[in-house]
Amino acid sequence: GQVDRVGMPQPVVRTVAAGNEVVPRIVKVDGRVRLVAGA
């Protein structure tokens, strides 16, 4: 349930930790606009 680096929005981390995929989306990661996906 813990991410190895800072900057990742917690809603994204919680989604993955709960066993769900992160639908690709645009978010700010460590101050940068990024395309994010998770599994």
PDB file of all heavy atoms in Angstrom:
ATOM      1  N   GLY A   1       0.787  -1.228   0.000  1.00  0.00           N
ATOM      2  CA  GLY A   1       0.000   0.000   0.000  1.00  0.00           C
ATOM      3  C   GLY A   1       0.815   1.271   0.000  1.00  0.00           C
ATOM      4  O   GLY A   1       0.246   2.365   0.017  1.00  0.00           O
ATOM      5  N   GLN A   2       2.147   1.161  -0.009  1.00  0.00           N
ATOM      6  CA  GLN A   2       3.008   2.334   0.015  1.00  0.00           C
ATOM      7  C   GLN A   2       3.812   2.414  -1.279  1.00  0.00           C
ATOM      8  O   GLN A   2       4.360   1.408  -1.747  1.00  0.00           O
ATOM      9  CB  GLN A   2       3.973   2.278   1.213  1.00  0.00           C
ATOM     10  CG  GLN A   2       3.283   2.220   2.573  1.00  0.00           C
ATOM     11  CD  GLN A   2       2.456   3.464   2.850  1.00  0.00           C
ATOM     12  OE1 GLN A   2       2.887   4.584   2.558  1.00  0.00           O
ATOM     13  NE2 GLN A   2       1.268   3.286   3.424  1.00  0.00           N
ATOM     14  N   VAL A   3       3.890   3.618  -1.839  1.00  0.00           N
ATOM     15  CA  VAL A   3       4.642   3.820  -3.069  1.00  0.00           C
ATOM     16  C   VAL A   3       6.097   4.093  -2.742  1.00  0.00           C
ATOM     17  O   VAL A   3       6.417   4.651  -1.678  1.00  0.00           O
ATOM     18  CB  VAL A   3       4.033   4.983  -3.884  1.00  0.00           C
ATOM     19  CG1 VAL A   3       4.245   6.321  -3.195  1.00  0.00           C
ATOM     20  CG2 VAL A   3       4.583   5.002  -5.301  1.00  0.00           C
ATOM     21  N   ASP A   4       6.987   3.682  -3.619  1.00  0.00           N
ATOM     22  CA  ASP A   4       8.420   3.776  -3.327  1.00  0.00           C
ATOM     23  C   ASP A   4       9.013   5.159  -3.543  1.00  0.00           C
ATOM     24  O   ASP A   4      10.157   5.415  -3.182  1.00  0.00           O
ATOM     25  CB  ASP A   4       9.195   2.761  -4.171  1.00  0.00           C
ATOM     26  CG  ASP A   4       9.064   3.029  -5.675  1.00  0.00           C
ATOM     27  OD1 ASP A   4       8.158   3.796  -6.060  1.00  0.00           O
ATOM     28  OD2 ASP A   4       9.857   2.469  -6.455  1.00  0.00           O
ATOM     29  N   ARG A   5       8.239   6.080  -4.152  1.00  0.00           N
ATOM     30  CA  ARG A   5       8.746   7.434  -4.369  1.00  0.00           C
ATOM     31  C   ARG A   5       7.656   8.447  -4.089  1.00  0.00           C
ATOM     32  O   ARG A   5       6.471   8.143  -4.197  1.00  0.00           O
ATOM     33  CB  ARG A   5       9.254   7.605  -5.806  1.00  0.00           C
ATOM     34  CG  ARG A   5      10.597   6.939  -6.073  1.00  0.00           C
ATOM     35  CD  ARG A   5      11.096   7.288  -7.455  1.00  0.00           C
ATOM     36  NE  ARG A   5      10.380   6.575  -8.500  1.00  0.00           N
ATOM     37  CZ  ARG A   5      10.385   6.934  -9.778  1.00  0.00           C
ATOM     38  NH1 ARG A   5      11.007   8.041 -10.150  1.00  0.00           N
ATOM     39  NH2 ARG A   5       9.748   6.214 -10.671  1.00  0.00           N
ATOM     40  N   VAL A   6       8.084   9.660  -3.761  1.00  0.00           N
ATOM     41  CA  VAL A   6       7.120  10.713  -3.459  1.00  0.00           C
ATOM     42  C   VAL A   6       6.619  11.326  -4.766  1.00  0.00           C
ATOM     43  O   VAL A   6       7.227  11.174  -5.827  1.00  0.00           O
ATOM     44  CB  VAL A   6       7.759  11.816  -2.581  1.00  0.00           C
ATOM     45  CG1 VAL A   6       8.189  11.233  -1.253  1.00  0.00           C
ATOM     46  CG2 VAL A   6       8.941  12.466  -3.292  1.00  0.00           C
ATOM     47  N   GLY A   7       5.504  12.028  -4.665  1.00  0.00           N
ATOM     48  CA  GLY A   7       4.984  12.765  -5.805  1.00  0.00           C
ATOM     49  C   GLY A   7       3.782  12.135  -6.467  1.00  0.00           C
ATOM     50  O   GLY A   7       3.050  12.818  -7.180  1.00  0.00           O
ATOM     51  N   MET A   8       3.572  10.843  -6.257  1.00  0.00           N
ATOM     52  CA  MET A   8       2.429  10.173  -6.879  1.00  0.00           C
ATOM     53  C   MET A   8       1.160  10.479  -6.097  1.00  0.00           C
ATOM     54  O   MET A   8       1.126  10.300  -4.873  1.00  0.00           O
ATOM     55  CB  MET A   8       2.659   8.672  -6.936  1.00  0.00           C
ATOM     56  CG  MET A   8       1.525   7.898  -7.611  1.00  0.00           C
ATOM     57  SD  MET A   8       1.221   8.363  -9.340  1.00  0.00           S
ATOM     58  CE  MET A   8       2.802   7.914 -10.082  1.00  0.00           C
ATOM     59  N   PRO A   9       0.097  10.949  -6.733  1.00  0.00           N
ATOM     60  CA  PRO A   9      -1.158  11.239  -6.015  1.00  0.00           C
ATOM     61  C   PRO A   9      -1.669  10.003  -5.283  1.00  0.00           C
ATOM     62  O   PRO A   9      -1.683   8.897  -5.831  1.00  0.00           O
ATOM     63  CB  PRO A   9      -2.109  11.661  -7.143  1.00  0.00           C
ATOM     64  CG  PRO A   9      -1.222  12.157  -8.238  1.00  0.00           C
ATOM     65  CD  PRO A   9      -0.004  11.309  -8.173  1.00  0.00           C
ATOM     66  N   GLN A  10      -2.110  10.215  -4.057  1.00  0.00           N
ATOM     67  CA  GLN A  10      -2.563   9.103  -3.228  1.00  0.00           C
ATOM     68  C   GLN A  10      -3.772   8.357  -3.800  1.00  0.00           C
ATOM     69  O   GLN A  10      -3.847   7.130  -3.645  1.00  0.00           O
ATOM     70  CB  GLN A  10      -2.870   9.600  -1.812  1.00  0.00           C
ATOM     71  CG  GLN A  10      -1.622   9.863  -0.986  1.00  0.00           C
ATOM     72  CD  GLN A  10      -0.749   8.625  -0.888  1.00  0.00           C
ATOM     73  OE1 GLN A  10      -1.200   7.541  -0.500  1.00  0.00           O
ATOM     74  NE2 GLN A  10       0.518   8.767  -1.255  1.00  0.00           N
ATOM     75  N   PRO A  11      -4.724   9.016  -4.442  1.00  0.00           N
ATOM     76  CA  PRO A  11      -5.834   8.248  -5.035  1.00  0.00           C
ATOM     77  C   PRO A  11      -5.355   7.188  -6.023  1.00  0.00           C
ATOM     78  O   PRO A  11      -5.930   6.101  -6.094  1.00  0.00           O
ATOM     79  CB  PRO A  11      -6.685   9.323  -5.722  1.00  0.00           C
ATOM     80  CG  PRO A  11      -6.413  10.563  -4.944  1.00  0.00           C
ATOM     81  CD  PRO A  11      -4.975  10.477  -4.563  1.00  0.00           C
ATOM     82  N   VAL A  12      -4.312   7.502  -6.770  1.00  0.00           N
ATOM     83  CA  VAL A  12      -3.760   6.533  -7.725  1.00  0.00           C
ATOM     84  C   VAL A  12      -3.132   5.369  -6.969  1.00  0.00           C
ATOM     85  O   VAL A  12      -3.330   4.199  -7.311  1.00  0.00           O
ATOM     86  CB  VAL A  12      -2.724   7.209  -8.650  1.00  0.00           C
ATOM     87  CG1 VAL A  12      -2.086   6.178  -9.578  1.00  0.00           C
ATOM     88  CG2 VAL A  12      -3.363   8.331  -9.456  1.00  0.00           C
ATOM     89  N   VAL A  13      -2.373   5.683  -5.916  1.00  0.00           N
ATOM     90  CA  VAL A  13      -1.724   4.643  -5.116  1.00  0.00           C
ATOM     91  C   VAL A  13      -2.766   3.746  -4.462  1.00  0.00           C
ATOM     92  O   VAL A  13      -2.641   2.511  -4.470  1.00  0.00           O
ATOM     93  CB  VAL A  13      -0.807   5.277  -4.051  1.00  0.00           C
ATOM     94  CG1 VAL A  13      -0.190   4.193  -3.160  1.00  0.00           C
ATOM     95  CG2 VAL A  13       0.289   6.120  -4.707  1.00  0.00           C
ATOM     96  N   ARG A  14      -3.805   4.340  -3.900  1.00  0.00           N
ATOM     97  CA  ARG A  14      -4.839   3.547  -3.222  1.00  0.00           C
ATOM     98  C   ARG A  14      -5.589   2.638  -4.198  1.00  0.00           C
ATOM     99  O   ARG A  14      -5.969   1.514  -3.848  1.00  0.00           O
ATOM    100  CB  ARG A  14      -5.817   4.483  -2.503  1.00  0.00           C
ATOM    101  CG  ARG A  14      -5.238   5.140  -1.247  1.00  0.00           C
ATOM    102  CD  ARG A  14      -6.348   5.741  -0.404  1.00  0.00           C
ATOM    103  NE  ARG A  14      -7.001   6.840  -1.096  1.00  0.00           N
ATOM    104  CZ  ARG A  14      -6.650   8.118  -0.960  1.00  0.00           C
ATOM    105  NH1 ARG A  14      -5.621   8.440  -0.160  1.00  0.00           N
ATOM    106  NH2 ARG A  14      -7.287   9.076  -1.587  1.00  0.00           N
ATOM    107  N   THR A  15      -5.788   3.109  -5.412  1.00  0.00           N
ATOM    108  CA  THR A  15      -6.482   2.279  -6.409  1.00  0.00           C
ATOM    109  C   THR A  15      -5.693   1.004  -6.699  1.00  0.00           C
ATOM    110  O   THR A  15      -6.251  -0.097  -6.726  1.00  0.00           O
ATOM    111  CB  THR A  15      -6.691   3.077  -7.709  1.00  0.00           C
ATOM    112  OG1 THR A  15      -7.502   4.221  -7.435  1.00  0.00           O
ATOM    113  CG2 THR A  15      -7.372   2.223  -8.767  1.00  0.00           C
ATOM    114  N   VAL A  16      -4.393   1.162  -6.895  1.00  0.00           N
ATOM    115  CA  VAL A  16      -3.558  -0.010  -7.179  1.00  0.00           C
ATOM    116  C   VAL A  16      -3.456  -0.912  -5.954  1.00  0.00           C
ATOM    117  O   VAL A  16      -3.542  -2.144  -6.061  1.00  0.00           O
ATOM    118  CB  VAL A  16      -2.155   0.443  -7.643  1.00  0.00           C
ATOM    119  CG1 VAL A  16      -1.221  -0.758  -7.756  1.00  0.00           C
ATOM    120  CG2 VAL A  16      -2.240   1.157  -8.984  1.00  0.00           C
ATOM    121  N   ALA A  17      -3.275  -0.312  -4.791  1.00  0.00           N
ATOM    122  CA  ALA A  17      -3.146  -1.096  -3.559  1.00  0.00           C
ATOM    123  C   ALA A  17      -4.415  -1.894  -3.266  1.00  0.00           C
ATOM    124  O   ALA A  17      -4.349  -2.971  -2.652  1.00  0.00           O
ATOM    125  CB  ALA A  17      -2.820  -0.178  -2.382  1.00  0.00           C
ATOM    126  N   ALA A  18      -5.550  -1.393  -3.716  1.00  0.00           N
ATOM    127  CA  ALA A  18      -6.824  -2.089  -3.497  1.00  0.00           C
ATOM    128  C   ALA A  18      -7.049  -3.210  -4.506  1.00  0.00           C
ATOM    129  O   ALA A  18      -8.074  -3.886  -4.460  1.00  0.00           O
ATOM    130  CB  ALA A  18      -7.979  -1.096  -3.565  1.00  0.00           C
ATOM    131  N   GLY A  19      -6.089  -3.405  -5.407  1.00  0.00           N
ATOM    132  CA  GLY A  19      -6.207  -4.495  -6.370  1.00  0.00           C
ATOM    133  C   GLY A  19      -6.912  -4.125  -7.656  1.00  0.00           C
ATOM    134  O   GLY A  19      -7.350  -5.014  -8.393  1.00  0.00           O
ATOM    135  N   ASN A  20      -7.000  -2.838  -7.931  1.00  0.00           N
ATOM    136  CA  ASN A  20      -7.680  -2.380  -9.142  1.00  0.00           C
ATOM    137  C   ASN A  20      -6.698  -1.714 -10.101  1.00  0.00           C
ATOM    138  O   ASN A  20      -5.666  -1.181  -9.686  1.00  0.00           O
ATOM    139  CB  ASN A  20      -8.785  -1.376  -8.792  1.00  0.00           C
ATOM    140  CG  ASN A  20      -9.819  -1.979  -7.864  1.00  0.00           C
ATOM    141  OD1 ASN A  20     -10.282  -3.100  -8.084  1.00  0.00           O
ATOM    142  ND2 ASN A  20     -10.188  -1.238  -6.819  1.00  0.00           N
ATOM    143  N   GLU A  21      -7.048  -1.762 -11.376  1.00  0.00           N
ATOM    144  CA  GLU A  21      -6.225  -1.072 -12.362  1.00  0.00           C
ATOM    145  C   GLU A  21      -6.517   0.426 -12.339  1.00  0.00           C
ATOM    146  O   GLU A  21      -7.642   0.846 -12.047  1.00  0.00           O
ATOM    147  CB  GLU A  21      -6.480  -1.616 -13.771  1.00  0.00           C
ATOM    148  CG  GLU A  21      -5.933  -3.003 -14.011  1.00  0.00           C
ATOM    149  CD  GLU A  21      -6.007  -3.391 -15.486  1.00  0.00           C
ATOM    150  OE1 GLU A  21      -6.658  -2.647 -16.264  1.00  0.00           O
ATOM    151  OE2 GLU A  21      -5.420  -4.422 -15.844  1.00  0.00           O
ATOM    152  N   VAL A  22      -5.512   1.190 -12.669  1.00  0.00           N
ATOM    153  CA  VAL A  22      -5.683   2.638 -12.806  1.00  0.00           C
ATOM    154  C   VAL A  22      -5.960   2.928 -14.279  1.00  0.00           C
ATOM    155  O   VAL A  22      -5.107   2.687 -15.139  1.00  0.00           O
ATOM    156  CB  VAL A  22      -4.420   3.399 -12.347  1.00  0.00           C
ATOM    157  CG1 VAL A  22      -4.585   4.895 -12.611  1.00  0.00           C
ATOM    158  CG2 VAL A  22      -4.156   3.141 -10.879  1.00  0.00           C
ATOM    159  N   VAL A  23      -7.155   3.394 -14.538  1.00  0.00           N
ATOM    160  CA  VAL A  23      -7.508   3.766 -15.912  1.00  0.00           C
ATOM    161  C   VAL A  23      -6.602   4.917 -16.338  1.00  0.00           C
ATOM    162  O   VAL A  23      -6.393   5.862 -15.574  1.00  0.00           O
ATOM    163  CB  VAL A  23      -8.985   4.176 -15.999  1.00  0.00           C
ATOM    164  CG1 VAL A  23      -9.337   4.616 -17.417  1.00  0.00           C
ATOM    165  CG2 VAL A  23      -9.882   3.036 -15.547  1.00  0.00           C
ATOM    166  N   PRO A  24      -6.007   4.841 -17.535  1.00  0.00           N
ATOM    167  CA  PRO A  24      -5.096   5.914 -17.973  1.00  0.00           C
ATOM    168  C   PRO A  24      -5.733   7.288 -17.822  1.00  0.00           C
ATOM    169  O   PRO A  24      -6.865   7.515 -18.253  1.00  0.00           O
ATOM    170  CB  PRO A  24      -4.832   5.561 -19.439  1.00  0.00           C
ATOM    171  CG  PRO A  24      -5.030   4.095 -19.520  1.00  0.00           C
ATOM    172  CD  PRO A  24      -6.133   3.781 -18.554  1.00  0.00           C
ATOM    173  N   ARG A  25      -4.977   8.184 -17.210  1.00  0.00           N
ATOM    174  CA  ARG A  25      -5.477   9.533 -16.972  1.00  0.00           C
ATOM    175  C   ARG A  25      -4.312  10.505 -16.911  1.00  0.00           C
ATOM    176  O   ARG A  25      -3.156  10.102 -16.751  1.00  0.00           O
ATOM    177  CB  ARG A  25      -6.264   9.590 -15.665  1.00  0.00           C
ATOM    178  CG  ARG A  25      -5.401   9.368 -14.419  1.00  0.00           C
ATOM    179  CD  ARG A  25      -6.213   9.166 -13.161  1.00  0.00           C
ATOM    180  NE  ARG A  25      -6.929   7.888 -13.187  1.00  0.00           N
ATOM    181  CZ  ARG A  25      -7.594   7.412 -12.123  1.00  0.00           C
ATOM    182  NH1 ARG A  25      -7.650   8.116 -10.999  1.00  0.00           N
ATOM    183  NH2 ARG A  25      -8.207   6.246 -12.211  1.00  0.00           N
ATOM    184  N   ILE A  26      -4.634  11.769 -17.036  1.00  0.00           N
ATOM    185  CA  ILE A  26      -3.628  12.825 -16.918  1.00  0.00           C
ATOM    186  C   ILE A  26      -3.666  13.371 -15.500  1.00  0.00           C
ATOM    187  O   ILE A  26      -4.715  13.826 -15.034  1.00  0.00           O
ATOM    188  CB  ILE A  26      -3.876  13.965 -17.928  1.00  0.00           C
ATOM    189  CG1 ILE A  26      -3.886  13.431 -19.367  1.00  0.00           C
ATOM    190  CG2 ILE A  26      -2.837  15.058 -17.780  1.00  0.00           C
ATOM    191  CD1 ILE A  26      -2.565  12.899 -19.840  1.00  0.00           C
ATOM    192  N   VAL A  27      -2.539  13.305 -14.797  1.00  0.00           N
ATOM    193  CA  VAL A  27      -2.446  13.824 -13.429  1.00  0.00           C
ATOM    194  C   VAL A  27      -1.107  14.542 -13.269  1.00  0.00           C
ATOM    195  O   VAL A  27      -0.217  14.414 -14.119  1.00  0.00           O
ATOM    196  CB  VAL A  27      -2.559  12.691 -12.383  1.00  0.00           C
ATOM    197  CG1 VAL A  27      -3.893  11.971 -12.487  1.00  0.00           C
ATOM    198  CG2 VAL A  27      -1.409  11.706 -12.515  1.00  0.00           C
ATOM    199  N   LYS A  28      -0.975  15.253 -12.159  1.00  0.00           N
ATOM    200  CA  LYS A  28       0.301  15.889 -11.829  1.00  0.00           C
ATOM    201  C   LYS A  28       1.088  14.966 -10.918  1.00  0.00           C
ATOM    202  O   LYS A  28       0.622  14.584  -9.848  1.00  0.00           O
ATOM    203  CB  LYS A  28       0.079  17.241 -11.159  1.00  0.00           C
ATOM    204  CG  LYS A  28      -0.147  18.379 -12.143  1.00  0.00           C
ATOM    205  CD  LYS A  28       0.002  19.734 -11.465  1.00  0.00           C
ATOM    206  CE  LYS A  28      -0.068  20.842 -12.505  1.00  0.00           C
ATOM    207  NZ  LYS A  28       0.150  22.169 -11.878  1.00  0.00           N
ATOM    208  N   VAL A  29       2.276  14.604 -11.370  1.00  0.00           N
ATOM    209  CA  VAL A  29       3.165  13.748 -10.595  1.00  0.00           C
ATOM    210  C   VAL A  29       4.426  14.531 -10.287  1.00  0.00           C
ATOM    211  O   VAL A  29       5.183  14.888 -11.195  1.00  0.00           O
ATOM    212  CB  VAL A  29       3.511  12.453 -11.366  1.00  0.00           C
ATOM    213  CG1 VAL A  29       4.455  11.585 -10.537  1.00  0.00           C
ATOM    214  CG2 VAL A  29       2.250  11.683 -11.720  1.00  0.00           C
ATOM    215  N   ASP A  30       4.630  14.815  -8.999  1.00  0.00           N
ATOM    216  CA  ASP A  30       5.801  15.585  -8.575  1.00  0.00           C
ATOM    217  C   ASP A  30       5.894  16.904  -9.333  1.00  0.00           C
ATOM    218  O   ASP A  30       6.968  17.328  -9.760  1.00  0.00           O
ATOM    219  CB  ASP A  30       7.067  14.759  -8.778  1.00  0.00           C
ATOM    220  CG  ASP A  30       8.239  15.279  -7.943  1.00  0.00           C
ATOM    221  OD1 ASP A  30       7.993  16.018  -6.963  1.00  0.00           O
ATOM    222  OD2 ASP A  30       9.387  14.948  -8.283  1.00  0.00           O
ATOM    223  N   GLY A  31       4.730  17.534  -9.540  1.00  0.00           N
ATOM    224  CA  GLY A  31       4.685  18.833 -10.188  1.00  0.00           C
ATOM    225  C   GLY A  31       4.682  18.803 -11.697  1.00  0.00           C
ATOM    226  O   GLY A  31       4.617  19.862 -12.331  1.00  0.00           O
ATOM    227  N   ARG A  32       4.747  17.621 -12.291  1.00  0.00           N
ATOM    228  CA  ARG A  32       4.756  17.512 -13.759  1.00  0.00           C
ATOM    229  C   ARG A  32       3.468  16.868 -14.245  1.00  0.00           C
ATOM    230  O   ARG A  32       2.951  15.956 -13.605  1.00  0.00           O
ATOM    231  CB  ARG A  32       5.944  16.682 -14.237  1.00  0.00           C
ATOM    232  CG  ARG A  32       7.309  17.282 -13.913  1.00  0.00           C
ATOM    233  CD  ARG A  32       8.414  16.397 -14.468  1.00  0.00           C
ATOM    234  NE  ARG A  32       8.367  15.052 -13.907  1.00  0.00           N
ATOM    235  CZ  ARG A  32       9.054  14.022 -14.382  1.00  0.00           C
ATOM    236  NH1 ARG A  32       9.805  14.177 -15.473  1.00  0.00           N
ATOM    237  NH2 ARG A  32       8.978  12.834 -13.809  1.00  0.00           N
ATOM    238  N   VAL A  33       2.981  17.331 -15.377  1.00  0.00           N
ATOM    239  CA  VAL A  33       1.789  16.740 -15.981  1.00  0.00           C
ATOM    240  C   VAL A  33       2.203  15.445 -16.675  1.00  0.00           C
ATOM    241  O   VAL A  33       3.071  15.444 -17.553  1.00  0.00           O
ATOM    242  CB  VAL A  33       1.137  17.703 -16.990  1.00  0.00           C
ATOM    243  CG1 VAL A  33      -0.054  17.034 -17.671  1.00  0.00           C
ATOM    244  CG2 VAL A  33       0.706  18.982 -16.301  1.00  0.00           C
ATOM    245  N   ARG A  34       1.577  14.335 -16.245  1.00  0.00           N
ATOM    246  CA  ARG A  34       1.966  13.029 -16.769  1.00  0.00           C
ATOM    247  C   ARG A  34       0.743  12.187 -17.109  1.00  0.00           C
ATOM    248  O   ARG A  34      -0.350  12.373 -16.545  1.00  0.00           O
ATOM    249  CB  ARG A  34       2.800  12.260 -15.732  1.00  0.00           C
ATOM    250  CG  ARG A  34       4.000  13.017 -15.197  1.00  0.00           C
ATOM    251  CD  ARG A  34       5.107  13.104 -16.215  1.00  0.00           C
ATOM    252  NE  ARG A  34       5.830  11.828 -16.336  1.00  0.00           N
ATOM    253  CZ  ARG A  34       6.801  11.617 -17.201  1.00  0.00           C
ATOM    254  NH1 ARG A  34       7.150  12.562 -18.066  1.00  0.00           N
ATOM    255  NH2 ARG A  34       7.421  10.442 -17.243  1.00  0.00           N
ATOM    256  N   LEU A  35       0.935  11.272 -18.056  1.00  0.00           N
ATOM    257  CA  LEU A  35      -0.061  10.247 -18.350  1.00  0.00           C
ATOM    258  C   LEU A  35       0.245   9.063 -17.446  1.00  0.00           C
ATOM    259  O   LEU A  35       1.371   8.566 -17.428  1.00  0.00           O
ATOM    260  CB  LEU A  35       0.004   9.831 -19.813  1.00  0.00           C
ATOM    261  CG  LEU A  35      -0.903   8.685 -20.253  1.00  0.00           C
ATOM    262  CD1 LEU A  35      -2.372   9.042 -20.062  1.00  0.00           C
ATOM    263  CD2 LEU A  35      -0.636   8.306 -21.704  1.00  0.00           C
ATOM    264  N   VAL A  36      -0.759   8.600 -16.694  1.00  0.00           N
ATOM    265  CA  VAL A  36      -0.542   7.580 -15.663  1.00  0.00           C
ATOM    266  C   VAL A  36      -1.439   6.380 -15.929  1.00  0.00           C
ATOM    267  O   VAL A  36      -2.605   6.521 -16.310  1.00  0.00           O
ATOM    268  CB  VAL A  36      -0.831   8.150 -14.259  1.00  0.00           C
ATOM    269  CG1 VAL A  36      -0.785   7.055 -13.205  1.00  0.00           C
ATOM    270  CG2 VAL A  36       0.168   9.234 -13.921  1.00  0.00           C
ATOM    271  N   ALA A  37      -0.881   5.191 -15.721  1.00  0.00           N
ATOM    272  CA  ALA A  37      -1.652   3.943 -15.764  1.00  0.00           C
ATOM    273  C   ALA A  37      -1.048   3.004 -14.730  1.00  0.00           C
ATOM    274  O   ALA A  37       0.144   3.090 -14.416  1.00  0.00           O
ATOM    275  CB  ALA A  37      -1.621   3.307 -17.145  1.00  0.00           C
ATOM    276  N   GLY A  38      -1.857   2.120 -14.162  1.00  0.00           N
ATOM    277  CA  GLY A  38      -1.345   1.218 -13.136  1.00  0.00           C
ATOM    278  C   GLY A  38      -2.065  -0.109 -13.133  1.00  0.00           C
ATOM    279  O   GLY A  38      -3.165  -0.243 -13.679  1.00  0.00           O
ATOM    280  N   ALA A  39      -1.417  -1.092 -12.521  1.00  0.00           N
ATOM    281  CA  ALA A  39      -2.009  -2.427 -12.428  1.00  0.00           C
ATOM    282  C   ALA A  39      -1.525  -3.097 -11.143  1.00  0.00           C
ATOM    283  O   ALA A  39      -0.375  -2.912 -10.740  1.00  0.00           O
ATOM    284  CB  ALA A  39      -1.626  -3.272 -13.640  1.00  0.00           C
TER     285      ALA A  39
END
